[in-house]
C-alpha atoms as a PDB file:
ATOM      1  CA  UNK A   1      14.509 246.840 204.368  1.00  0.00           C
ATOM      2  CA  UNK A   2      12.873 243.389 204.801  1.00  0.00           C
ATOM      3  CA  UNK A   3      13.592 239.793 204.032  1.00  0.00           C
ATOM      4  CA  UNK A   4      11.578 238.890 200.975  1.00  0.00           C
ATOM      5  CA  UNK A   5      11.292 235.344 202.221  1.00  0.00           C
ATOM      6  CA  UNK A   6       9.030 236.671 204.999  1.00  0.00           C
ATOM      7  CA  UNK A   7       6.380 237.844 202.434  1.00  0.00           C
ATOM      8  CA  UNK A   8       3.658 235.090 201.895  1.00  0.00           C
ATOM      9  CA  UNK A   9       3.165 236.833 198.232  1.00  0.00           C
ATOM     10  CA  UNK A  10       6.966 235.823 197.379  1.00  0.00           C
ATOM     11  CA  UNK A  11       6.425 232.522 198.592  1.00  0.00           C
ATOM     12  CA  UNK A  12       3.467 232.003 196.516  1.00  0.00           C
ATOM     13  CA  UNK A  13       5.103 233.571 193.658  1.00  0.00           C
ATOM     14  CA  UNK A  14       8.243 231.200 193.803  1.00  0.00           C
ATOM     15  CA  UNK A  15       5.825 228.119 194.029  1.00  0.00           C
ATOM     16  CA  UNK A  16       4.345 229.454 190.712  1.00  0.00           C
ATOM     17  CA  UNK A  17       7.609 229.868 189.305  1.00  0.00           C
ATOM     18  CA  UNK A  18       8.571 226.323 189.975  1.00  0.00           C
ATOM     19  CA  UNK A  19       5.357 225.114 188.608  1.00  0.00           C
ATOM     20  CA  UNK A  20       5.598 227.056 185.436  1.00  0.00           C
ATOM     21  CA  UNK A  21       9.311 225.504 185.127  1.00  0.00           C
ATOM     22  CA  UNK A  22       7.794 221.915 185.793  1.00  0.00           C
ATOM     23  CA  UNK A  23       4.904 222.408 183.317  1.00  0.00           C
ATOM     24  CA  UNK A  24       6.902 224.334 180.421  1.00  0.00           C
ATOM     25  CA  UNK A  25       9.221 220.742 180.281  1.00  0.00           C
ATOM     26  CA  UNK A  26       6.509 219.569 178.162  1.00  0.00           C
ATOM     27  CA  UNK A  27       6.376 222.309 175.669  1.00  0.00           C
ATOM     28  CA  UNK A  28       7.411 221.576 171.990  1.00  0.00           C
ATOM     29  CA  UNK A  29      11.133 221.862 171.823  1.00  0.00           C
ATOM     30  CA  UNK A  30      10.529 224.412 169.017  1.00  0.00           C
ATOM     31  CA  UNK A  31       9.141 226.788 171.710  1.00  0.00           C
ATOM     32  CA  UNK A  32      12.389 226.765 173.959  1.00  0.00           C
ATOM     33  CA  UNK A  33      13.287 230.143 172.493  1.00  0.00           C
ATOM     34  CA  UNK A  34       9.606 231.277 172.195  1.00  0.00           C
ATOM     35  CA  UNK A  35       6.918 230.818 174.455  1.00  0.00           C
ATOM     36  CA  UNK A  36       8.918 228.464 177.030  1.00  0.00           C
ATOM     37  CA  UNK A  37      11.195 231.220 177.629  1.00  0.00           C
ATOM     38  CA  UNK A  38       8.751 234.016 177.698  1.00  0.00           C
ATOM     39  CA  UNK A  39       6.514 232.319 180.262  1.00  0.00           C
ATOM     40  CA  UNK A  40       9.541 231.248 182.297  1.00  0.00           C
ATOM     41  CA  UNK A  41      10.977 234.744 182.198  1.00  0.00           C
ATOM     42  CA  UNK A  42       7.664 236.322 183.129  1.00  0.00           C
ATOM     43  CA  UNK A  43       7.036 233.753 186.074  1.00  0.00           C
ATOM     44  CA  UNK A  44      10.691 234.111 187.433  1.00  0.00           C
ATOM     45  CA  UNK A  45      10.258 237.907 187.336  1.00  0.00           C
ATOM     46  CA  UNK A  46       7.530 238.114 189.779  1.00  0.00           C
ATOM     47  CA  UNK A  47       9.180 236.703 192.783  1.00  0.00           C
ATOM     48  CA  UNK A  48      12.815 238.349 191.446  1.00  0.00           C
ATOM     49  CA  UNK A  49      11.316 241.988 191.492  1.00  0.00           C
ATOM     50  CA  UNK A  50       9.762 241.459 195.126  1.00  0.00           C
ATOM     51  CA  UNK A  51      12.911 240.393 196.329  1.00  0.00           C
ATOM     52  CA  UNK A  52      14.704 243.408 194.642  1.00  0.00           C
ATOM     53  CA  UNK A  53      12.061 245.983 196.039  1.00  0.00           C
ATOM     54  CA  UNK A  54      12.820 244.509 199.656  1.00  0.00           C
ATOM     55  CA  UNK A  55      16.520 245.827 198.926  1.00  0.00           C
ATOM     56  CA  UNK A  56      15.094 249.346 198.668  1.00  0.00           C
ATOM     57  CA  UNK A  57      15.238 251.721 201.134  1.00  0.00           C
ATOM     58  CA  UNK A  58      11.967 253.596 200.773  1.00  0.00           C
ATOM     59  CA  UNK A  59       8.251 252.513 200.262  1.00  0.00           C
ATOM     60  CA  UNK A  60       8.014 254.242 196.901  1.00  0.00           C
ATOM     61  CA  UNK A  61      10.934 252.024 195.496  1.00  0.00           C
ATOM     62  CA  UNK A  62       9.535 249.093 197.063  1.00  0.00           C
ATOM     63  CA  UNK A  63       6.019 250.061 195.477  1.00  0.00           C
ATOM     64  CA  UNK A  64       7.817 250.592 192.303  1.00  0.00           C
ATOM     65  CA  UNK A  65       9.071 247.310 192.529  1.00  0.00           C
ATOM     66  CA  UNK A  66       5.711 245.585 193.086  1.00  0.00           C
ATOM     67  CA  UNK A  67       4.099 247.342 190.075  1.00  0.00           C
ATOM     68  CA  UNK A  68       7.107 245.669 187.825  1.00  0.00           C
ATOM     69  CA  UNK A  69       5.998 242.202 189.565  1.00  0.00           C
ATOM     70  CA  UNK A  70       2.156 242.836 188.767  1.00  0.00           C
ATOM     71  CA  UNK A  71       3.101 243.869 185.122  1.00  0.00           C
ATOM     72  CA  UNK A  72       4.995 240.380 184.870  1.00  0.00           C
ATOM     73  CA  UNK A  73       2.142 238.360 186.690  1.00  0.00           C
ATOM     74  CA  UNK A  74      -0.313 239.684 184.119  1.00  0.00           C
ATOM     75  CA  UNK A  75       2.201 238.842 181.257  1.00  0.00           C
ATOM     76  CA  UNK A  76       2.760 235.295 182.684  1.00  0.00           C
ATOM     77  CA  UNK A  77      -1.447 234.866 183.089  1.00  0.00           C
ATOM     78  CA  UNK A  78      -1.519 235.599 179.377  1.00  0.00           C
ATOM     79  CA  UNK A  79       1.240 233.181 178.385  1.00  0.00           C
ATOM     80  CA  UNK A  80      -0.285 230.386 180.484  1.00  0.00           C
ATOM     81  CA  UNK A  81      -3.554 231.300 178.365  1.00  0.00           C
ATOM     82  CA  UNK A  82      -1.973 231.027 175.453  1.00  0.00           C
ATOM     83  CA  UNK A  83       0.059 227.867 176.152  1.00  0.00           C
ATOM     84  CA  UNK A  84      -3.474 226.283 177.198  1.00  0.00           C
ATOM     85  CA  UNK A  85      -5.166 227.519 173.733  1.00  0.00           C
ATOM     86  CA  UNK A  86      -2.049 226.061 171.698  1.00  0.00           C
ATOM     87  CA  UNK A  87      -2.698 222.776 173.431  1.00  0.00           C
ATOM     88  CA  UNK A  88       0.849 222.664 175.441  1.00  0.00           C
ATOM     89  CA  UNK A  89      -0.983 222.106 178.688  1.00  0.00           C
ATOM     90  CA  UNK A  90      -4.241 220.791 179.754  1.00  0.00           C
ATOM     91  CA  UNK A  91      -7.095 222.409 181.188  1.00  0.00           C
ATOM     92  CA  UNK A  92      -6.629 221.054 184.760  1.00  0.00           C
ATOM     93  CA  UNK A  93      -2.934 222.380 184.610  1.00  0.00           C
ATOM     94  CA  UNK A  94      -4.196 225.644 183.354  1.00  0.00           C
ATOM     95  CA  UNK A  95      -6.791 226.034 185.830  1.00  0.00           C
ATOM     96  CA  UNK A  96      -4.341 225.400 188.356  1.00  0.00           C
ATOM     97  CA  UNK A  97      -1.867 227.970 187.204  1.00  0.00           C
ATOM     98  CA  UNK A  98      -4.598 230.381 186.543  1.00  0.00           C
ATOM     99  CA  UNK A  99      -5.880 230.324 189.763  1.00  0.00           C
ATOM    100  CA  UNK A 100      -2.734 230.526 191.464  1.00  0.00           C
ATOM    101  CA  UNK A 101      -1.426 233.733 189.330  1.00  0.00           C
ATOM    102  CA  UNK A 102      -4.850 235.576 190.254  1.00  0.00           C
ATOM    103  CA  UNK A 103      -4.184 234.820 194.085  1.00  0.00           C
ATOM    104  CA  UNK A 104      -0.696 236.412 193.511  1.00  0.00           C
ATOM    105  CA  UNK A 105      -2.003 239.411 191.563  1.00  0.00           C
ATOM    106  CA  UNK A 106      -4.541 240.090 194.514  1.00  0.00           C
ATOM    107  CA  UNK A 107      -1.814 239.971 196.987  1.00  0.00           C
ATOM    108  CA  UNK A 108       0.460 242.189 195.116  1.00  0.00           C
ATOM    109  CA  UNK A 109      -2.441 244.710 194.663  1.00  0.00           C
ATOM    110  CA  UNK A 110      -2.955 244.760 198.228  1.00  0.00           C
ATOM    111  CA  UNK A 111       0.687 244.929 199.319  1.00  0.00           C
ATOM    112  CA  UNK A 112       1.336 247.782 196.744  1.00  0.00           C
ATOM    113  CA  UNK A 113      -1.811 249.635 198.498  1.00  0.00           C
ATOM    114  CA  UNK A 114      -0.284 249.206 201.842  1.00  0.00           C
ATOM    115  CA  UNK A 115       3.170 250.570 200.886  1.00  0.00           C
ATOM    116  CA  UNK A 116       2.030 253.493 198.119  1.00  0.00           C
ATOM    117  CA  UNK A 117       2.690 256.846 199.850  1.00  0.00           C
END
């Protein structure tokens, strides 16, 4: 067991989630139960599953949670692309979020490789 707050990938995922919440405030109100909700859930799932994995007692269990985080990161990446294509966010905001999510994905892949048996 380890403290999830000590992991750089958790910190980056948490910051990404905060940025997603801030950015999605500007989405159309009719998207509150659609894209806004889906993007926020995918983003917050990334650090939440990292935190859950840190509470597991074995590396395979930790790796499983990290894989779930990676899936959520891919989902969030798609949702930010969709939001940009629907003109819910500008290209600059998209580029920032897109770069950040890809850094997180790379870090997750590296961490999964380290803990996988």
